[in-house]
Every structure is written in C-alpha cells, then in structure tokens.
Amino acid sequence: MKAIILSAGQGSRLLPLTADRPKCLISLSGSSLLEWQLRGLAAAGIGEAVVVTGFGAGQVEQALDRLSLPGLAVRTLFNPFYAVADNLASCWMARAEMTGEFLILNGDTLFEPEIARRLVAAESETRPITVTIDRKAAYDSDDMKVETDGDRLLAIGKSLDRAVVTGESIGFLRFNATGGALFVAEIERMMRSGEGVKRWYLSVIDRLAKQADIGTLSIQGLDWGEMDFPADVEANEALTRGWLAARAARAV
C-alpha cells in the first residue's frame, strides 16, 4: 500500500519557527515530524510513501536522503502552487498516484503507529473511503469536525453546527480503488471550476459523503497531535518523549 503525505505548506502560523524551514522538518525529540510519520508508516507495513513538497522542497529532499528506512521506498513530488493554493492543489498534483489502495496523510499530523496499523487493517471492500476520527468533550473553531451516523460519515468541515458534531478528523484517510477514482474525479471537477484553488481536500470528502457510503474509523484513546501553532510544538515534543521512553522501557 502507498501513502501520500501532503507536506507542501510552510506553516505560517508557526513563524518564526518556519521562517526558513517547512513545518514537516520541525524537530521533535531529535527527529523531524516527517521522520516520525515515515517511521510510523513503515511500522504499519507501508511499502511506499510519496511526499508532496513545496516550501523548502530542497531541505525536505536532503533530509530524506539522510534517512535510513528499510522496507519503505520514499520519493517526493513538487507542488509549484504551494504559495497560492491550499492542499487540494497538492492532491491534484498527486492524482496520478491515487490508484489501487492508498492512504492520504496531512503533513502536520503526528500519530502513533497503531493508528496506521488500524487504518491499514480497516475493511475496504464495502467502504470506498475511510476517515480516521477522534472524539473529545469539546471542539474549537480550528478542528476539522465531523458529523456521523454510526460509522458512516455525513459531513466534514470546520464550520459544522456544533449540535451535530460527533468527532474530528485527524487528517489520515484510506482509499480503495473505487474511492480513489471518486476522489480524483471530484478533484478534477473542482480544479477545473476554479473553486479548488483555495479549498482543503477534505471539502471533496464532504461532497462525496453526500453521494457515497464514506466510512469512519475511531482512533479514540490512541496518541496523535497536530502541528499548527507554537503550543503544539511543546505538546508534540512531550508526546514523542513519552513514546521514546516507552520504547526504551520495552527494550529493557
């Protein structure tokens, strides 16, 4: 299975940390966010990863050249529109990669490997697309909120009515061949209309949820984090320190 990581953005909300490096290269407990992602994918048995780059693309390529990731082939795909378009354009650039079964991962999502394992193991025959979701007591304006009916996705977006919100997307999705074809067709439609330039790719998932049986997979209780604001760096540093401590304890 292939994973596509959307890492083209600079991360302007993290300035000055991202003044001269993309946020996927911010260090967390000695390893970059991107390295944590790739090692998590490798631990789940993913054999191929395509990193969509943009801001600081050369730095990302150099960082990948220094990594040793046995069993995981990693390559990059440059998005020249990263400064003028949102991440739907990154998906449009990577649409030729969206065949067979594949994963899409936000470039600012940190996750423990068990999340990737569960997503890989999720039933893909009846659900063309599966969206990982978490649940918590309250949601803020920046959360990518979801409305569900059981494990079926009804809607996804930041501006959903709080009365219908049942969780939030963590930015990690699985597609089977049918789901990938649906996704690419809608991306093409939105980009041709001009509205796609300033849209998130999850707005495509919201549209598809009105047409197809899109599934959700709860990862409640598992560790993950986003990298959007300076406070997130400290929280993710603590999270990764905990993972390293647990790994060291298991090795004793």
Foldseek 3Di string as FASTA:
>chain_A
DEEEEEQAAQQVQAPPVSVQHRQQQDDFQHGGVVVLVLQLLVVLVHQEYEYEYHRPVVVVVVSVVPDDRPRHHYDYFYQPCRVQFDCLSVCLSCLVVLAAKYKYAYSFKRFHSVVNNCQVVDDCPQAQKEFEWEADDDDDLPFFFFAADVFWTQATGSPDDRVRTGTGTRGMMMGGRVSSVQLNVLSVVCVVVVNRRHDDSVVSVRVVSNPGGHGYDYPYPGDMFGDNHNVRSVVSSVVVVVVVVVVVVVVD
